[in-house]
Amino acid sequence: MAVNITNGPDVCLHAEKISKIYPGTKALDEVSFNVYKGKVNVLIGENGAGKSTLMKIIAGIEQESEGELFMGEEKVHFDDVTEAREHGIGIIHQELNLFPNLAVYQNIFMAKERKKGTVGLDNEYHIKETKRIMEKLQHPLDPHTIVGDLRVGQQQMIEIARNLIQDDLKILIMDEPTSSLSEQEVQVLFKIMRELTAEGISIVYISHRLEEIMQIGDYVTVLRDGKLVDSAAVEDIDISWIVQKMVGKGKSYPKRAGNIDWSARETVLEVKDLSLPKKGGGWLLDKVSFQLKKGEILGIYGLMGAGRTEIFECIMGLRPEHTGEVILNGETLNIKSITEQIDRGFALIPEDRQREGLVQTMDIGKNLSLSSLKNYAKGIFLKSKEEEANIDEIIDEIHIKVADKRLPILSLSGGNQQKVVIGKGIMTNPKILLLDEPSRGIDIGAKTDVFEIMNHFADAGLSLLVVSSELEEIKSIADRIIVLSNGIKTAELAGDEITEDRLVMASYEGHNSGKKN
């Protein structure tokens, strides 16, 4: 049963027709949203749906372009995080926002310090409260431990602890809080969440893990392309309802041709028993094996923290501590550097295009040719005409919408920026293209373009490894799919075996096996 998005006595915060406009795009389009008192209010949608933008507005990080916020009968507007915090709103970011060079207690009380006297700090109180809150979170730590020495899951718990010390907390926003946690840590977090809601605190919970939503959520609101799709009580829906609302009727991606016997195709890449140790013990990858065929798109699916990106890092030479074999065209590689792997025919399209894929001070053309500059070297000079011709050719081939290649890279839309990152990899003339979440943060039209580019190069004989956390996408674009969970390969699916149920179940098998992070 759908929930009416209107202000009422059970609602502690109501967002009324919130819009957020950035240059060239509308991230939110008249979205209304209720936060119910003492409930877990789940916000869900595909990447780029506008979830984090809406939460940033509620938390005072961003300001709405249009629309209104109400807390009870009071209309509110937050110019910054401090104002939101004064109204009892805290936020746990998806990206950790800690000081790695400071101690645990210093991080927890940063900007919330208790004074002792006129100029001193009451560190005795800070240390005592740090011990108490970390024990409540079942993570007893020495308050003096330097945060940079802790593993990511422990750092995530410190991020959570920072918000729990807020005395007048009314609403706690959690943006993907379990992405770095083990199954045991997730259950501890859920216990804390239920204790908070029992105290009347409202939680806004963003997660891509559908099973978690059904387990912990009370209400679900679905966004798609910056718009409100639907809202319902969790007791009235199931996972298929969520998936249908997220994906939408009539939405489709370019499908790969089925019924191909990939076992008979030439093997280009073979990975045997790939293992990667974790700092502090355990494994990020535990004896993962697979084959990649010529002209194939092999998908890698799993939850955040499953080890998907780590596979790419090992193959590209970013993780020299890995063990196992990487075999290219029958030759076992001794992987030493990224440059060496590019020379061998590997190209990586990273997940974070802004930080790792683009140089924002360079123009579009220079970004495209950056990884292949040595191909145009002539002594200390560059063969500029050849470089320019190849840039023009790739712009035309993958349909980058650009008026002038000398314009700044940031003048392009997110989808066209992603095409530039892919084009940069293609210009190195690779044999194997590694794509890490290639459609993240781009709109549906741009996603379709990216998938058509992938199909085009696979049909031309290029072999592709693709990481995606979005079910509908990975099902459509991949010829075969391997599934990871907690660093373990739990399934290898092809053809009619590829179903949402099997993918979701396999992505949880490593959690259910008792393996701990």
Protein backbone atom coordinates (compact mmCIF):
# COMPACT_ATOMS: atom_id res chain seq x y z
CA MET A 1 0.00 0.00 0.00
CA ALA A 2 1.41 3.38 -1.02
CA VAL A 3 2.08 5.96 1.69
CA ASN A 4 0.80 9.51 1.29
CA ILE A 5 3.64 12.05 1.27
CA THR A 6 2.03 14.71 3.44
CA ASN A 7 2.92 16.32 6.73
CA GLY A 8 1.20 14.74 9.76
CA PRO A 9 1.56 14.03 13.48
CA ASP A 10 3.69 10.92 12.87
CA VAL A 11 6.10 12.85 10.64
CA CYS A 12 9.13 14.55 12.22
CA LEU A 13 10.40 16.01 8.93
CA HIS A 14 8.56 16.64 5.70
CA ALA A 15 10.19 17.64 2.42
CA GLU A 16 7.71 19.31 0.07
CA LYS A 17 8.46 19.32 -3.67
CA ILE A 18 12.23 19.70 -3.27
CA SER A 19 14.18 20.48 -6.45
CA LYS A 20 17.93 20.84 -6.86
CA ILE A 21 19.27 22.36 -10.04
CA TYR A 22 22.95 22.24 -11.02
CA PRO A 23 24.32 23.79 -14.23
CA GLY A 24 23.08 21.55 -17.02
CA THR A 25 21.14 19.07 -14.88
CA LYS A 26 18.24 18.76 -12.46
CA ALA A 27 19.34 16.38 -9.71
CA LEU A 28 15.97 16.53 -7.89
CA ASP A 29 12.63 17.32 -9.50
CA GLU A 30 9.86 18.24 -7.02
CA VAL A 31 10.56 15.35 -4.64
CA SER A 32 8.37 15.04 -1.53
CA PHE A 33 9.56 12.83 1.32
CA ASN A 34 8.46 11.98 4.86
CA VAL A 35 10.68 11.05 7.80
CA TYR A 36 8.48 9.18 10.29
CA LYS A 37 9.11 9.49 14.03
CA GLY A 38 10.94 6.57 15.59
CA LYS A 39 11.07 4.64 12.30
CA VAL A 40 13.68 3.48 9.80
CA ASN A 41 12.87 5.44 6.65
CA VAL A 42 14.59 3.78 3.68
CA LEU A 43 15.49 5.83 0.60
CA ILE A 44 16.36 3.75 -2.43
CA GLY A 45 17.03 4.16 -6.13
CA GLU A 46 19.65 3.42 -8.74
CA ASN A 47 22.88 5.38 -8.79
CA GLY A 48 22.18 8.95 -9.87
CA ALA A 49 18.56 8.81 -8.67
CA GLY A 50 19.08 11.78 -6.32
CA LYS A 51 19.17 10.00 -2.94
CA SER A 52 22.38 11.54 -1.62
CA THR A 53 21.46 14.97 -2.98
CA LEU A 54 18.18 14.93 -1.03
CA MET A 55 19.98 13.83 2.13
CA LYS A 56 22.61 16.57 1.73
CA ILE A 57 19.82 19.15 1.59
CA ILE A 58 18.21 17.76 4.76
CA ALA A 59 21.62 17.71 6.49
CA GLY A 60 22.48 21.30 5.44
CA ILE A 61 25.36 20.34 3.14
CA GLU A 62 23.48 21.53 0.05
CA GLN A 63 20.56 23.96 -0.22
CA GLU A 64 17.37 23.34 -2.16
CA SER A 65 16.76 25.32 -5.36
CA GLU A 66 12.99 25.03 -4.91
CA GLY A 67 10.63 23.53 -2.34
CA GLU A 68 10.28 23.60 1.44
CA LEU A 69 11.31 21.64 4.53
CA PHE A 70 9.12 21.32 7.63
CA MET A 71 9.86 19.95 11.09
CA GLY A 72 6.44 19.60 12.69
CA GLU A 73 4.59 22.80 11.85
CA GLU A 74 7.82 24.82 11.59
CA LYS A 75 9.23 25.65 8.18
CA VAL A 76 13.03 25.22 8.25
CA HIS A 77 15.95 25.98 5.96
CA PHE A 78 19.53 24.96 6.70
CA ASP A 79 22.34 27.12 5.35
CA ASP A 80 24.97 24.73 6.67
CA VAL A 81 25.57 21.54 8.65
CA THR A 82 25.70 23.44 11.95
CA GLU A 83 22.15 24.73 11.52
CA ALA A 84 20.90 21.23 10.68
CA ARG A 85 22.72 19.81 13.70
CA GLU A 86 21.08 22.45 15.94
CA HIS A 87 17.74 21.01 14.79
CA GLY A 88 18.89 17.51 15.79
CA ILE A 89 19.93 16.19 12.37
CA GLY A 90 23.10 14.11 11.97
CA ILE A 91 24.51 12.37 8.90
CA ILE A 92 26.84 9.41 8.40
CA HIS A 93 28.40 9.80 4.96
CA GLN A 94 29.05 7.00 2.50
CA GLU A 95 32.62 8.29 2.20
CA LEU A 96 34.40 8.28 5.56
CA ASN A 97 34.97 11.77 6.89
CA LEU A 98 37.63 11.10 9.52
CA PHE A 99 41.04 12.49 10.49
CA PRO A 100 43.43 9.53 10.04
CA ASN A 101 46.26 11.20 11.94
CA LEU A 102 44.18 11.80 15.10
CA ALA A 103 43.10 9.46 17.89
CA VAL A 104 39.72 7.73 18.11
CA TYR A 105 38.41 10.02 20.88
CA GLN A 106 39.58 13.14 19.02
CA ASN A 107 37.66 12.06 15.90
CA ILE A 108 34.50 11.25 17.82
CA PHE A 109 34.40 14.63 19.57
CA MET A 110 35.72 16.77 16.72
CA ALA A 111 33.74 20.06 16.70
CA LYS A 112 31.72 18.80 19.70
CA GLU A 113 34.39 19.12 22.38
CA ARG A 114 33.55 19.73 26.03
CA LYS A 115 35.56 22.55 27.57
CA LYS A 116 37.37 22.41 30.89
CA GLY A 117 37.93 25.86 32.26
CA THR A 118 38.18 28.74 29.81
CA VAL A 119 40.61 27.33 27.23
CA GLY A 120 41.18 23.67 28.04
CA LEU A 121 39.41 20.55 26.77
CA ASP A 122 37.86 17.92 29.04
CA ASN A 123 39.72 15.00 27.50
CA GLU A 124 39.02 12.84 30.56
CA TYR A 125 35.32 13.09 29.68
CA HIS A 126 36.03 12.55 25.95
CA ILE A 127 37.97 9.36 26.65
CA LYS A 128 35.38 8.02 29.09
CA GLU A 129 32.50 8.65 26.65
CA THR A 130 34.49 7.17 23.76
CA LYS A 131 34.93 3.93 25.71
CA ARG A 132 31.22 3.86 26.55
CA ILE A 133 29.93 4.46 23.02
CA MET A 134 32.40 2.06 21.38
CA GLU A 135 31.46 -0.67 23.86
CA LYS A 136 27.80 -0.02 23.00
CA LEU A 137 28.73 -0.55 19.36
CA GLN A 138 30.53 -3.77 20.41
CA HIS A 139 33.83 -2.33 19.18
CA PRO A 140 35.87 -1.70 22.33
CA LEU A 141 38.91 0.27 21.22
CA ASP A 142 41.67 2.12 23.01
CA PRO A 143 40.51 5.75 22.65
CA HIS A 144 44.12 6.78 21.99
CA THR A 145 44.45 4.54 18.89
CA ILE A 146 45.29 6.47 15.74
CA VAL A 147 42.34 6.11 13.34
CA GLY A 148 44.57 5.60 10.28
CA ASP A 149 45.83 2.36 11.84
CA LEU A 150 42.33 0.85 12.01
CA ARG A 151 40.66 -1.24 9.32
CA VAL A 152 37.83 0.29 7.31
CA GLY A 153 35.04 -1.48 9.22
CA GLN A 154 36.33 -0.08 12.52
CA GLN A 155 36.61 3.40 10.99
CA GLN A 156 32.99 3.10 9.84
CA MET A 157 31.94 2.37 13.43
CA ILE A 158 33.80 5.52 14.58
CA GLU A 159 31.88 7.53 11.97
CA ILE A 160 28.66 6.11 13.43
CA ALA A 161 29.83 6.83 17.01
CA ARG A 162 30.43 10.51 16.15
CA ASN A 163 26.72 10.94 15.54
CA LEU A 164 25.50 8.91 18.50
CA ILE A 165 27.09 11.32 21.01
CA GLN A 166 24.81 14.12 19.82
CA ASP A 167 22.58 14.85 22.85
CA ASP A 168 19.56 16.23 20.99
CA LEU A 169 19.63 13.81 18.04
CA LYS A 170 16.23 13.60 16.32
CA ILE A 171 17.09 12.36 12.83
CA LEU A 172 20.12 10.26 11.85
CA ILE A 173 20.86 9.92 8.14
CA MET A 174 22.86 6.82 7.19
CA ASP A 175 24.20 6.80 3.62
CA GLU A 176 25.38 3.24 2.80
CA PRO A 177 26.59 2.65 6.39
CA THR A 178 27.15 -1.11 5.96
CA SER A 179 29.30 -0.98 2.82
CA SER A 180 32.50 -1.65 4.78
CA LEU A 181 31.06 -3.82 7.56
CA SER A 182 31.11 -7.57 8.05
CA GLU A 183 27.82 -9.43 8.53
CA GLN A 184 28.41 -9.55 12.28
CA GLU A 185 29.05 -5.78 12.37
CA VAL A 186 25.91 -5.19 10.30
CA GLN A 187 23.78 -7.04 12.85
CA VAL A 188 25.31 -4.97 15.67
CA LEU A 189 24.45 -1.81 13.73
CA PHE A 190 20.87 -2.99 13.21
CA LYS A 191 20.55 -3.63 16.94
CA ILE A 192 21.72 -0.08 17.64
CA MET A 193 19.31 1.28 15.04
CA ARG A 194 16.38 -0.45 16.74
CA GLU A 195 17.48 0.93 20.11
CA LEU A 196 17.57 4.43 18.62
CA THR A 197 14.12 4.15 17.05
CA ALA A 198 12.77 2.80 20.36
CA GLU A 199 14.03 6.05 21.93
CA GLY A 200 12.03 8.00 19.33
CA ILE A 201 14.95 8.85 17.04
CA SER A 202 14.17 8.68 13.32
CA ILE A 203 16.62 7.09 10.90
CA VAL A 204 16.92 7.75 7.17
CA TYR A 205 18.66 4.76 5.66
CA ILE A 206 20.17 4.59 2.17
CA SER A 207 21.29 1.17 0.98
CA HIS A 208 21.61 -0.81 -2.25
CA ARG A 209 21.29 -4.08 -0.34
CA LEU A 210 17.69 -5.11 -0.88
CA GLU A 211 17.66 -7.84 1.76
CA GLU A 212 18.85 -5.33 4.38
CA ILE A 213 16.01 -2.99 3.49
CA MET A 214 13.40 -5.68 4.08
CA GLN A 215 15.07 -6.63 7.37
CA ILE A 216 15.55 -3.21 8.96
CA GLY A 217 13.21 -0.80 7.16
CA ASP A 218 9.78 0.46 8.22
CA TYR A 219 9.02 2.68 5.23
CA VAL A 220 10.53 2.73 1.73
CA THR A 221 10.65 5.67 -0.67
CA VAL A 222 11.89 5.09 -4.23
CA LEU A 223 13.53 7.75 -6.39
CA ARG A 224 14.32 7.42 -10.08
CA ASP A 225 16.06 10.03 -12.23
CA GLY A 226 15.62 12.69 -9.57
CA LYS A 227 11.87 12.12 -9.20
CA LEU A 228 9.68 10.48 -6.57
CA VAL A 229 8.38 7.14 -7.89
CA ASP A 230 6.51 5.67 -4.92
CA SER A 231 6.52 5.22 -1.17
CA ALA A 232 5.17 2.34 0.94
CA ALA A 233 5.32 0.58 4.28
CA VAL A 234 7.82 -2.31 4.19
CA GLU A 235 5.20 -4.72 5.53
CA ASP A 236 3.14 -4.13 2.37
CA ILE A 237 5.86 -4.79 -0.24
CA ASP A 238 8.51 -7.30 -1.34
CA ILE A 239 11.86 -7.19 -3.15
CA SER A 240 10.26 -7.53 -6.60
CA TRP A 241 8.18 -4.39 -5.87
CA ILE A 242 11.37 -2.46 -5.05
CA VAL A 243 13.20 -3.68 -8.16
CA GLN A 244 10.26 -2.84 -10.43
CA LYS A 245 9.94 0.65 -8.95
CA MET A 246 13.68 1.27 -9.21
CA VAL A 247 14.05 0.04 -12.78
CA GLY A 248 10.73 1.25 -14.16
CA LYS A 249 8.45 -0.17 -16.81
CA GLY A 250 9.71 0.14 -20.33
CA LYS A 251 13.32 0.77 -19.28
CA SER A 252 15.73 -1.49 -21.08
CA TYR A 253 19.39 -1.82 -21.84
CA PRO A 254 21.02 -3.19 -24.99
CA LYS A 255 20.91 -6.98 -24.70
CA ARG A 256 23.83 -9.22 -25.61
CA ALA A 257 23.21 -12.01 -28.09
CA GLY A 258 22.58 -15.21 -26.15
CA ASN A 259 23.15 -18.92 -26.81
CA ILE A 260 26.90 -18.59 -27.45
CA ASP A 261 29.08 -21.50 -26.36
CA TRP A 262 31.80 -19.49 -24.66
CA SER A 263 33.63 -22.63 -23.56
CA ALA A 264 34.62 -23.17 -27.19
CA ARG A 265 35.98 -19.65 -27.62
CA GLU A 266 39.66 -18.71 -27.33
CA THR A 267 40.73 -17.93 -23.75
CA VAL A 268 42.42 -14.53 -23.58
CA LEU A 269 42.83 -14.18 -19.82
CA GLU A 270 42.90 -16.80 -17.07
CA VAL A 271 43.03 -15.98 -13.37
CA LYS A 272 43.91 -18.84 -11.00
CA ASP A 273 43.57 -18.78 -7.18
CA LEU A 274 43.87 -15.00 -6.97
CA SER A 275 44.24 -14.09 -3.29
CA LEU A 276 44.77 -10.76 -1.58
CA PRO A 277 45.57 -10.49 2.14
CA LYS A 278 43.79 -7.95 4.30
CA LYS A 279 45.62 -5.66 6.69
CA GLY A 280 45.15 -7.09 10.16
CA GLY A 281 44.38 -10.61 8.94
CA GLY A 282 41.90 -12.32 6.69
CA TRP A 283 41.44 -12.01 2.94
CA LEU A 284 40.07 -9.39 0.58
CA LEU A 285 40.20 -12.07 -2.13
CA ASP A 286 40.33 -15.77 -1.38
CA LYS A 287 41.42 -18.07 -4.27
CA VAL A 288 39.28 -16.50 -6.99
CA SER A 289 39.53 -18.18 -10.42
CA PHE A 290 37.90 -17.41 -13.78
CA GLN A 291 38.49 -17.25 -17.53
CA LEU A 292 37.79 -14.45 -20.00
CA LYS A 293 37.17 -15.31 -23.65
CA LYS A 294 37.91 -13.30 -26.79
CA GLY A 295 35.07 -10.90 -27.56
CA GLU A 296 33.28 -11.68 -24.29
CA ILE A 297 31.78 -9.36 -21.71
CA LEU A 298 32.31 -11.08 -18.35
CA GLY A 299 30.41 -9.47 -15.50
CA ILE A 300 31.54 -9.35 -11.88
CA TYR A 301 28.66 -8.88 -9.46
CA GLY A 302 28.60 -8.54 -5.69
CA LEU A 303 27.85 -6.21 -2.83
CA MET A 304 30.19 -3.39 -1.83
CA GLY A 305 33.26 -4.86 -0.16
CA ALA A 306 32.92 -8.17 -2.00
CA GLY A 307 36.33 -7.80 -3.65
CA ARG A 308 35.28 -6.72 -7.13
CA THR A 309 37.53 -3.66 -7.48
CA GLU A 310 40.41 -5.55 -5.82
CA ILE A 311 40.46 -8.01 -8.73
CA PHE A 312 41.08 -5.13 -11.11
CA GLU A 313 43.74 -3.66 -8.83
CA CYS A 314 45.62 -6.97 -8.77
CA ILE A 315 45.46 -7.36 -12.54
CA MET A 316 46.66 -3.77 -13.13
CA GLY A 317 49.64 -3.99 -10.77
CA LEU A 318 48.22 -1.89 -7.94
CA ARG A 319 48.36 -4.78 -5.43
CA PRO A 320 51.84 -6.36 -5.61
CA GLU A 321 51.10 -8.38 -2.45
CA HIS A 322 48.56 -10.58 -4.25
CA THR A 323 49.18 -14.28 -4.88
CA GLY A 324 47.90 -16.62 -7.57
CA GLU A 325 48.37 -16.58 -11.34
CA VAL A 326 47.29 -14.11 -14.03
CA ILE A 327 47.74 -15.69 -17.46
CA LEU A 328 47.47 -13.64 -20.67
CA ASN A 329 47.26 -15.59 -23.93
CA GLY A 330 48.93 -18.59 -22.28
CA GLU A 331 51.75 -16.59 -20.66
CA THR A 332 51.92 -16.31 -16.86
CA LEU A 333 52.56 -12.68 -16.02
CA ASN A 334 54.98 -11.28 -13.48
CA ILE A 335 53.04 -8.11 -12.73
CA LYS A 336 55.25 -5.24 -11.60
CA SER A 337 53.68 -1.94 -12.69
CA ILE A 338 50.66 -0.26 -14.24
CA THR A 339 52.70 0.96 -17.21
CA GLU A 340 53.80 -2.59 -17.93
CA GLN A 341 50.20 -3.83 -17.83
CA ILE A 342 49.07 -1.07 -20.22
CA ASP A 343 51.87 -2.13 -22.58
CA ARG A 344 50.59 -5.73 -22.37
CA GLY A 345 47.15 -4.62 -23.48
CA PHE A 346 45.19 -3.91 -20.28
CA ALA A 347 43.17 -0.73 -19.81
CA LEU A 348 41.26 0.22 -16.65
CA ILE A 349 38.17 2.43 -16.53
CA PRO A 350 38.08 3.36 -12.81
CA GLU A 351 34.96 3.68 -10.68
CA ASP A 352 35.66 7.30 -9.68
CA ARG A 353 36.05 9.12 -12.99
CA GLN A 354 36.61 12.54 -11.38
CA ARG A 355 39.50 11.60 -9.11
CA GLU A 356 41.05 8.69 -11.03
CA GLY A 357 39.86 8.94 -14.63
CA LEU A 358 40.20 12.59 -15.60
CA VAL A 359 42.61 15.50 -15.25
CA GLN A 360 40.21 18.35 -14.63
CA THR A 361 42.63 21.11 -15.62
CA MET A 362 43.13 19.62 -19.09
CA ASP A 363 40.86 19.89 -22.10
CA ILE A 364 38.77 17.11 -23.60
CA GLY A 365 41.26 16.12 -26.29
CA LYS A 366 44.25 15.97 -23.95
CA ASN A 367 42.30 13.81 -21.51
CA LEU A 368 41.53 11.37 -24.33
CA SER A 369 45.14 10.97 -25.47
CA LEU A 370 46.76 11.10 -22.03
CA SER A 371 47.34 7.35 -21.59
CA SER A 372 48.59 6.83 -25.16
CA LEU A 373 50.95 9.82 -25.51
CA LYS A 374 54.01 7.63 -26.03
CA ASN A 375 52.43 6.40 -29.28
CA TYR A 376 52.86 9.92 -30.65
CA ALA A 377 56.35 10.57 -29.33
CA LYS A 378 58.96 11.74 -31.81
CA GLY A 379 62.08 12.49 -29.84
CA ILE A 380 61.13 15.21 -27.38
CA PHE A 381 58.16 16.25 -29.53
CA LEU A 382 54.72 14.81 -30.26
CA LYS A 383 53.29 13.92 -33.66
CA SER A 384 50.44 16.35 -33.11
CA LYS A 385 48.62 15.73 -36.40
CA GLU A 386 48.45 11.98 -35.74
CA GLU A 387 47.35 12.59 -32.15
CA GLU A 388 44.64 15.03 -33.27
CA ALA A 389 43.40 12.62 -35.95
CA ASN A 390 43.09 9.75 -33.47
CA ILE A 391 41.29 11.98 -30.96
CA ASP A 392 38.79 13.01 -33.66
CA GLU A 393 38.34 9.37 -34.65
CA ILE A 394 37.52 8.17 -31.10
CA ILE A 395 35.17 11.13 -30.51
CA ASP A 396 33.28 10.09 -33.64
CA GLU A 397 33.37 6.35 -32.93
CA ILE A 398 31.93 6.49 -29.41
CA HIS A 399 29.70 9.54 -30.08
CA ILE A 400 31.08 12.00 -27.54
CA LYS A 401 28.85 15.07 -27.76
CA VAL A 402 31.35 17.89 -27.89
CA ALA A 403 31.44 21.13 -29.87
CA ASP A 404 35.21 21.57 -29.57
CA LYS A 405 37.76 19.10 -28.16
CA ARG A 406 39.73 22.04 -26.77
CA LEU A 407 36.96 22.87 -24.29
CA PRO A 408 37.54 22.06 -20.59
CA ILE A 409 36.66 18.50 -19.63
CA LEU A 410 34.25 19.76 -16.97
CA SER A 411 32.16 21.46 -19.65
CA LEU A 412 30.83 18.01 -20.58
CA SER A 413 27.90 16.20 -18.97
CA GLY A 414 28.64 13.28 -16.66
CA GLY A 415 27.76 10.78 -19.38
CA ASN A 416 30.10 12.38 -21.91
CA GLN A 417 32.87 12.62 -19.30
CA GLN A 418 32.49 8.87 -18.80
CA LYS A 419 32.76 8.35 -22.56
CA VAL A 420 36.04 10.31 -22.47
CA VAL A 421 37.41 8.00 -19.76
CA ILE A 422 36.42 4.96 -21.85
CA GLY A 423 37.84 6.57 -24.99
CA LYS A 424 41.14 7.22 -23.21
CA GLY A 425 41.39 3.50 -22.45
CA ILE A 426 40.44 2.51 -26.01
CA MET A 427 43.16 4.79 -27.44
CA THR A 428 45.81 2.58 -25.79
CA ASN A 429 44.72 -0.22 -28.19
CA PRO A 430 43.91 -2.71 -25.42
CA LYS A 431 43.24 -6.42 -25.63
CA ILE A 432 41.33 -6.41 -22.35
CA LEU A 433 39.21 -3.56 -21.01
CA LEU A 434 38.44 -3.48 -17.27
CA LEU A 435 35.39 -1.36 -16.45
CA ASP A 436 34.59 -0.64 -12.79
CA GLU A 437 30.97 0.55 -12.40
CA PRO A 438 31.02 2.20 -15.86
CA SER A 439 27.48 3.60 -15.56
CA ARG A 440 27.75 5.07 -12.05
CA GLY A 441 26.37 8.58 -11.69
CA ILE A 442 25.11 9.01 -15.27
CA ASP A 443 21.56 9.22 -16.55
CA ILE A 444 19.67 6.42 -18.27
CA GLY A 445 20.28 7.72 -21.78
CA ALA A 446 24.02 7.93 -21.15
CA LYS A 447 24.00 4.46 -19.58
CA THR A 448 22.47 3.04 -22.75
CA ASP A 449 25.17 4.78 -24.81
CA VAL A 450 27.91 3.30 -22.60
CA PHE A 451 26.48 -0.21 -22.95
CA GLU A 452 26.26 0.17 -26.73
CA ILE A 453 29.93 1.21 -26.77
CA MET A 454 30.80 -1.92 -24.77
CA ASN A 455 28.83 -4.12 -27.17
CA HIS A 456 30.47 -2.45 -30.16
CA PHE A 457 34.01 -3.18 -29.00
CA ALA A 458 33.17 -6.70 -27.79
CA ASP A 459 31.73 -7.48 -31.22
CA ALA A 460 35.02 -6.20 -32.69
CA GLY A 461 36.96 -8.78 -30.62
CA LEU A 462 37.89 -6.81 -27.49
CA SER A 463 37.46 -8.75 -24.22
CA LEU A 464 35.77 -6.89 -21.36
CA LEU A 465 35.61 -7.42 -17.60
CA VAL A 466 32.79 -5.36 -16.09
CA VAL A 467 32.01 -4.67 -12.43
CA SER A 468 28.46 -3.57 -11.66
CA SER A 469 26.33 -3.54 -8.51
CA GLU A 470 23.10 -2.95 -10.44
CA LEU A 471 21.18 -6.14 -11.16
CA GLU A 472 19.30 -5.07 -14.27
CA GLU A 473 22.45 -3.72 -15.89
CA ILE A 474 24.70 -6.70 -15.24
CA LYS A 475 21.99 -9.08 -16.45
CA SER A 476 21.61 -7.19 -19.71
CA ILE A 477 25.20 -6.43 -20.63
CA ALA A 478 27.14 -9.55 -19.54
CA ASP A 479 27.58 -12.78 -21.48
CA ARG A 480 28.54 -14.60 -18.29
CA ILE A 481 28.65 -13.42 -14.67
CA ILE A 482 30.79 -14.41 -11.72
CA VAL A 483 29.50 -13.47 -8.28
CA LEU A 484 31.69 -12.50 -5.32
CA SER A 485 30.80 -12.35 -1.65
CA ASN A 486 33.34 -11.41 1.02
CA GLY A 487 36.20 -12.13 -1.35
CA ILE A 488 34.92 -15.59 -2.32
CA LYS A 489 33.66 -16.57 -5.78
CA THR A 490 30.22 -17.99 -4.99
CA ALA A 491 28.75 -18.51 -8.47
CA GLU A 492 29.45 -18.49 -12.21
CA LEU A 493 26.31 -18.04 -14.31
CA ALA A 494 25.57 -18.01 -18.03
CA GLY A 495 22.52 -17.87 -20.28
CA ASP A 496 19.23 -18.79 -18.59
CA GLU A 497 21.07 -19.28 -15.28
CA ILE A 498 21.37 -15.48 -14.96
CA THR A 499 18.39 -14.42 -12.87
CA GLU A 500 17.98 -11.74 -10.23
CA ASP A 501 17.18 -14.36 -7.57
CA ARG A 502 20.37 -16.32 -8.26
CA LEU A 503 22.53 -13.21 -8.35
CA VAL A 504 21.16 -11.90 -5.06
CA MET A 505 21.39 -15.30 -3.34
CA ALA A 506 24.97 -15.86 -4.51
CA SER A 507 25.99 -12.37 -3.38
CA TYR A 508 25.02 -13.36 0.19
CA GLU A 509 26.50 -16.86 0.27
CA GLY A 510 29.85 -15.68 1.56
CA HIS A 511 28.06 -13.82 4.36
CA ASN A 512 26.04 -16.84 5.35
CA SER A 513 29.05 -19.15 5.36
CA GLY A 514 30.37 -17.58 8.54
CA LYS A 515 33.35 -15.96 6.82
CA LYS A 516 34.28 -12.76 8.62
CA ASN A 517 35.94 -9.63 7.29
